[in-house]
Amino acid sequence: MEPPPQLQGELVSQGKSRQLTNVTIKTVAKHAGVSTATVSRVLSGNGRVSPELQEAVRQSAEALNYSINAVAIALRSSRTATMGMIVPEIDSPAMSRLIQQVVNVLE
Protein backbone atom coordinates (compact mmCIF):
# COMPACT_ATOMS: atom_id res chain seq x y z
CA MET A 1 0.00 0.00 0.00
CA GLU A 2 1.51 3.32 -1.07
CA PRO A 3 1.24 6.00 1.63
CA PRO A 4 -0.65 9.17 0.81
CA PRO A 5 1.32 12.16 -0.55
CA GLN A 6 1.24 14.03 2.76
CA LEU A 7 3.36 11.26 4.34
CA GLN A 8 5.97 11.01 1.60
CA GLY A 9 8.42 13.14 3.60
CA GLU A 10 8.31 10.62 6.43
CA LEU A 11 9.58 7.74 4.32
CA VAL A 12 13.09 6.41 4.07
CA SER A 13 14.48 3.99 1.54
CA GLN A 14 15.68 0.65 2.82
CA GLY A 15 16.93 -1.28 -0.18
CA LYS A 16 13.99 -2.00 -2.45
CA SER A 17 11.30 -1.36 0.15
CA ARG A 18 10.18 1.91 1.66
CA GLN A 19 9.20 1.91 5.29
CA LEU A 20 7.73 4.53 7.59
CA THR A 21 10.00 5.51 10.43
CA ASN A 22 9.08 7.14 13.73
CA VAL A 23 5.35 6.67 13.31
CA THR A 24 3.73 8.94 15.89
CA ILE A 25 0.15 9.91 16.61
CA LYS A 26 0.81 12.94 14.39
CA THR A 27 1.57 10.56 11.50
CA VAL A 28 -1.55 8.52 12.23
CA ALA A 29 -3.61 11.72 12.47
CA LYS A 30 -2.37 12.93 9.06
CA HIS A 31 -3.08 9.54 7.50
CA ALA A 32 -6.60 9.37 8.99
CA GLY A 33 -7.36 13.04 8.35
CA VAL A 34 -8.13 13.80 11.99
CA SER A 35 -6.50 15.70 14.86
CA THR A 36 -3.88 14.23 17.17
CA ALA A 37 -6.37 14.64 20.02
CA THR A 38 -8.83 12.39 18.18
CA VAL A 39 -6.13 9.75 17.63
CA SER A 40 -5.21 9.92 21.31
CA ARG A 41 -8.85 9.55 22.39
CA VAL A 42 -9.41 6.57 20.11
CA LEU A 43 -6.23 4.73 21.08
CA SER A 44 -6.65 5.35 24.82
CA GLY A 45 -10.38 4.63 24.81
CA ASN A 46 -11.10 7.98 26.50
CA GLY A 47 -13.56 10.52 25.22
CA ARG A 48 -16.34 10.36 22.69
CA VAL A 49 -15.42 9.69 19.09
CA SER A 50 -17.84 8.56 16.41
CA PRO A 51 -17.59 4.91 15.34
CA GLU A 52 -16.63 6.02 11.82
CA LEU A 53 -13.67 8.08 13.06
CA GLN A 54 -12.64 5.31 15.45
CA GLU A 55 -12.51 2.88 12.54
CA ALA A 56 -10.55 5.34 10.36
CA VAL A 57 -7.98 5.90 13.12
CA ARG A 58 -7.61 2.19 13.85
CA GLN A 59 -7.19 1.39 10.15
CA SER A 60 -4.56 4.12 9.78
CA ALA A 61 -2.70 2.96 12.88
CA GLU A 62 -2.69 -0.60 11.56
CA ALA A 63 -1.68 0.43 8.03
CA LEU A 64 1.26 2.42 9.43
CA ASN A 65 2.23 -0.30 11.95
CA TYR A 66 1.83 2.23 14.76
CA SER A 67 2.63 1.00 18.24
CA ILE A 68 2.34 2.86 21.50
CA ASN A 69 5.70 4.09 22.78
CA ALA A 70 5.87 3.14 26.47
CA VAL A 71 8.99 5.26 26.98
CA ALA A 72 7.24 8.38 25.67
CA ILE A 73 4.26 7.72 27.93
CA ALA A 74 6.55 7.26 30.94
CA LEU A 75 8.40 10.51 30.18
CA ARG A 76 5.19 12.48 29.72
CA SER A 77 3.51 11.12 32.85
CA SER A 78 6.65 10.86 35.04
CA ARG A 79 5.61 7.27 35.79
CA THR A 80 7.36 4.20 34.48
CA ALA A 81 5.14 1.44 35.90
CA THR A 82 8.41 -0.24 36.86
CA MET A 83 9.36 -1.49 40.29
CA GLY A 84 12.81 -2.48 41.47
CA MET A 85 13.71 -4.94 44.16
CA ILE A 86 17.08 -5.58 45.78
CA VAL A 87 17.48 -9.06 47.22
CA PRO A 88 20.56 -10.72 48.74
CA GLU A 89 20.37 -13.93 46.68
CA ILE A 90 18.25 -13.96 43.56
CA ASP A 91 18.92 -17.63 42.85
CA SER A 92 17.72 -18.96 46.20
CA PRO A 93 14.34 -20.76 46.17
CA ALA A 94 13.01 -18.55 48.98
CA MET A 95 13.87 -15.32 47.14
CA SER A 96 12.47 -16.71 43.91
CA ARG A 97 9.14 -17.43 45.64
CA LEU A 98 9.15 -14.00 47.29
CA ILE A 99 9.81 -12.23 44.00
CA GLN A 100 7.04 -14.22 42.29
CA GLN A 101 4.58 -13.33 45.05
CA VAL A 102 5.46 -9.64 44.76
CA VAL A 103 4.95 -9.79 40.98
CA ASN A 104 1.57 -11.52 41.46
CA VAL A 105 0.40 -8.82 43.89
CA LEU A 106 1.56 -5.99 41.63
CA GLU A 107 -0.11 -7.40 38.52
C-alpha atoms as a PDB file:
ATOM      1  CA  MET A   1       0.000   0.000   0.000  1.00  0.00           C
ATOM      2  CA  GLU A   2       1.514   3.316  -1.074  1.00  0.00           C
ATOM      3  CA  PRO A   3       1.235   5.997   1.628  1.00  0.00           C
ATOM      4  CA  PRO A   4      -0.651   9.173   0.811  1.00  0.00           C
ATOM      5  CA  PRO A   5       1.324  12.156  -0.548  1.00  0.00           C
ATOM      6  CA  GLN A   6       1.236  14.027   2.764  1.00  0.00           C
ATOM      7  CA  LEU A   7       3.358  11.257   4.342  1.00  0.00           C
ATOM      8  CA  GLN A   8       5.969  11.014   1.600  1.00  0.00           C
ATOM      9  CA  GLY A   9       8.417  13.145   3.604  1.00  0.00           C
ATOM     10  CA  GLU A  10       8.307  10.624   6.426  1.00  0.00           C
ATOM     11  CA  LEU A  11       9.582   7.742   4.318  1.00  0.00           C
ATOM     12  CA  VAL A  12      13.092   6.412   4.069  1.00  0.00           C
ATOM     13  CA  SER A  13      14.477   3.988   1.543  1.00  0.00           C
ATOM     14  CA  GLN A  14      15.677   0.651   2.818  1.00  0.00           C
ATOM     15  CA  GLY A  15      16.935  -1.275  -0.175  1.00  0.00           C
ATOM     16  CA  LYS A  16      13.990  -1.995  -2.452  1.00  0.00           C
ATOM     17  CA  SER A  17      11.302  -1.361   0.154  1.00  0.00           C
ATOM     18  CA  ARG A  18      10.182   1.911   1.663  1.00  0.00           C
ATOM     19  CA  GLN A  19       9.198   1.912   5.291  1.00  0.00           C
ATOM     20  CA  LEU A  20       7.725   4.531   7.591  1.00  0.00           C
ATOM     21  CA  THR A  21      10.004   5.513  10.435  1.00  0.00           C
ATOM     22  CA  ASN A  22       9.080   7.140  13.733  1.00  0.00           C
ATOM     23  CA  VAL A  23       5.354   6.665  13.314  1.00  0.00           C
ATOM     24  CA  THR A  24       3.726   8.937  15.887  1.00  0.00           C
ATOM     25  CA  ILE A  25       0.151   9.910  16.611  1.00  0.00           C
ATOM     26  CA  LYS A  26       0.809  12.938  14.392  1.00  0.00           C
ATOM     27  CA  THR A  27       1.574  10.562  11.500  1.00  0.00           C
ATOM     28  CA  VAL A  28      -1.551   8.522  12.228  1.00  0.00           C
ATOM     29  CA  ALA A  29      -3.612  11.724  12.466  1.00  0.00           C
ATOM     30  CA  LYS A  30      -2.371  12.929   9.059  1.00  0.00           C
ATOM     31  CA  HIS A  31      -3.084   9.538   7.503  1.00  0.00           C
ATOM     32  CA  ALA A  32      -6.598   9.371   8.993  1.00  0.00           C
ATOM     33  CA  GLY A  33      -7.358  13.044   8.348  1.00  0.00           C
ATOM     34  CA  VAL A  34      -8.127  13.800  11.994  1.00  0.00           C
ATOM     35  CA  SER A  35      -6.501  15.704  14.858  1.00  0.00           C
ATOM     36  CA  THR A  36      -3.880  14.232  17.171  1.00  0.00           C
ATOM     37  CA  ALA A  37      -6.374  14.635  20.021  1.00  0.00           C
ATOM     38  CA  THR A  38      -8.827  12.387  18.178  1.00  0.00           C
ATOM     39  CA  VAL A  39      -6.134   9.747  17.635  1.00  0.00           C
ATOM     40  CA  SER A  40      -5.208   9.924  21.313  1.00  0.00           C
ATOM     41  CA  ARG A  41      -8.851   9.552  22.386  1.00  0.00           C
ATOM     42  CA  VAL A  42      -9.411   6.567  20.109  1.00  0.00           C
ATOM     43  CA  LEU A  43      -6.228   4.725  21.082  1.00  0.00           C
ATOM     44  CA  SER A  44      -6.651   5.346  24.817  1.00  0.00           C
ATOM     45  CA  GLY A  45     -10.384   4.631  24.805  1.00  0.00           C
ATOM     46  CA  ASN A  46     -11.100   7.975  26.500  1.00  0.00           C
ATOM     47  CA  GLY A  47     -13.564  10.516  25.223  1.00  0.00           C
ATOM     48  CA  ARG A  48     -16.344  10.359  22.694  1.00  0.00           C
ATOM     49  CA  VAL A  49     -15.416   9.685  19.095  1.00  0.00           C
ATOM     50  CA  SER A  50     -17.840   8.556  16.410  1.00  0.00           C
ATOM     51  CA  PRO A  51     -17.591   4.911  15.344  1.00  0.00           C
ATOM     52  CA  GLU A  52     -16.628   6.018  11.818  1.00  0.00           C
ATOM     53  CA  LEU A  53     -13.672   8.078  13.057  1.00  0.00           C
ATOM     54  CA  GLN A  54     -12.636   5.310  15.448  1.00  0.00           C
ATOM     55  CA  GLU A  55     -12.507   2.879  12.543  1.00  0.00           C
ATOM     56  CA  ALA A  56     -10.553   5.336  10.363  1.00  0.00           C
ATOM     57  CA  VAL A  57      -7.985   5.904  13.121  1.00  0.00           C
ATOM     58  CA  ARG A  58      -7.607   2.189  13.846  1.00  0.00           C
ATOM     59  CA  GLN A  59      -7.191   1.390  10.150  1.00  0.00           C
ATOM     60  CA  SER A  60      -4.564   4.120   9.780  1.00  0.00           C
ATOM     61  CA  ALA A  61      -2.697   2.959  12.878  1.00  0.00           C
ATOM     62  CA  GLU A  62      -2.694  -0.602  11.556  1.00  0.00           C
ATOM     63  CA  ALA A  63      -1.676   0.433   8.031  1.00  0.00           C
ATOM     64  CA  LEU A  64       1.258   2.421   9.428  1.00  0.00           C
ATOM     65  CA  ASN A  65       2.232  -0.296  11.949  1.00  0.00           C
ATOM     66  CA  TYR A  66       1.826   2.226  14.759  1.00  0.00           C
ATOM     67  CA  SER A  67       2.634   0.996  18.241  1.00  0.00           C
ATOM     68  CA  ILE A  68       2.341   2.856  21.503  1.00  0.00           C
ATOM     69  CA  ASN A  69       5.703   4.091  22.776  1.00  0.00           C
ATOM     70  CA  ALA A  70       5.872   3.140  26.466  1.00  0.00           C
ATOM     71  CA  VAL A  71       8.994   5.264  26.983  1.00  0.00           C
ATOM     72  CA  ALA A  72       7.241   8.380  25.668  1.00  0.00           C
ATOM     73  CA  ILE A  73       4.259   7.719  27.932  1.00  0.00           C
ATOM     74  CA  ALA A  74       6.547   7.265  30.942  1.00  0.00           C
ATOM     75  CA  LEU A  75       8.401  10.509  30.184  1.00  0.00           C
ATOM     76  CA  ARG A  76       5.194  12.475  29.718  1.00  0.00           C
ATOM     77  CA  SER A  77       3.508  11.116  32.846  1.00  0.00           C
ATOM     78  CA  SER A  78       6.646  10.864  35.039  1.00  0.00           C
ATOM     79  CA  ARG A  79       5.609   7.271  35.794  1.00  0.00           C
ATOM     80  CA  THR A  80       7.359   4.197  34.484  1.00  0.00           C
ATOM     81  CA  ALA A  81       5.140   1.443  35.901  1.00  0.00           C
ATOM     82  CA  THR A  82       8.409  -0.235  36.860  1.00  0.00           C
ATOM     83  CA  MET A  83       9.362  -1.492  40.290  1.00  0.00           C
ATOM     84  CA  GLY A  84      12.814  -2.476  41.466  1.00  0.00           C
ATOM     85  CA  MET A  85      13.711  -4.943  44.165  1.00  0.00           C
ATOM     86  CA  ILE A  86      17.082  -5.580  45.784  1.00  0.00           C
ATOM     87  CA  VAL A  87      17.483  -9.065  47.225  1.00  0.00           C
ATOM     88  CA  PRO A  88      20.560 -10.724  48.737  1.00  0.00           C
ATOM     89  CA  GLU A  89      20.372 -13.934  46.684  1.00  0.00           C
ATOM     90  CA  ILE A  90      18.250 -13.957  43.556  1.00  0.00           C
ATOM     91  CA  ASP A  91      18.923 -17.628  42.851  1.00  0.00           C
ATOM     92  CA  SER A  92      17.717 -18.964  46.199  1.00  0.00           C
ATOM     93  CA  PRO A  93      14.343 -20.764  46.175  1.00  0.00           C
ATOM     94  CA  ALA A  94      13.009 -18.547  48.978  1.00  0.00           C
ATOM     95  CA  MET A  95      13.873 -15.323  47.135  1.00  0.00           C
ATOM     96  CA  SER A  96      12.472 -16.715  43.914  1.00  0.00           C
ATOM     97  CA  ARG A  97       9.136 -17.431  45.635  1.00  0.00           C
ATOM     98  CA  LEU A  98       9.148 -14.003  47.293  1.00  0.00           C
ATOM     99  CA  ILE A  99       9.809 -12.229  43.996  1.00  0.00           C
ATOM    100  CA  GLN A 100       7.044 -14.217  42.289  1.00  0.00           C
ATOM    101  CA  GLN A 101       4.576 -13.331  45.052  1.00  0.00           C
ATOM    102  CA  VAL A 102       5.456  -9.636  44.761  1.00  0.00           C
ATOM    103  CA  VAL A 103       4.949  -9.794  40.981  1.00  0.00           C
ATOM    104  CA  ASN A 104       1.570 -11.517  41.460  1.00  0.00           C
ATOM    105  CA  VAL A 105       0.399  -8.822  43.889  1.00  0.00           C
ATOM    106  CA  LEU A 106       1.560  -5.985  41.629  1.00  0.00           C
ATOM    107  CA  GLU A 107      -0.105  -7.397  38.518  1.00  0.00           C
END
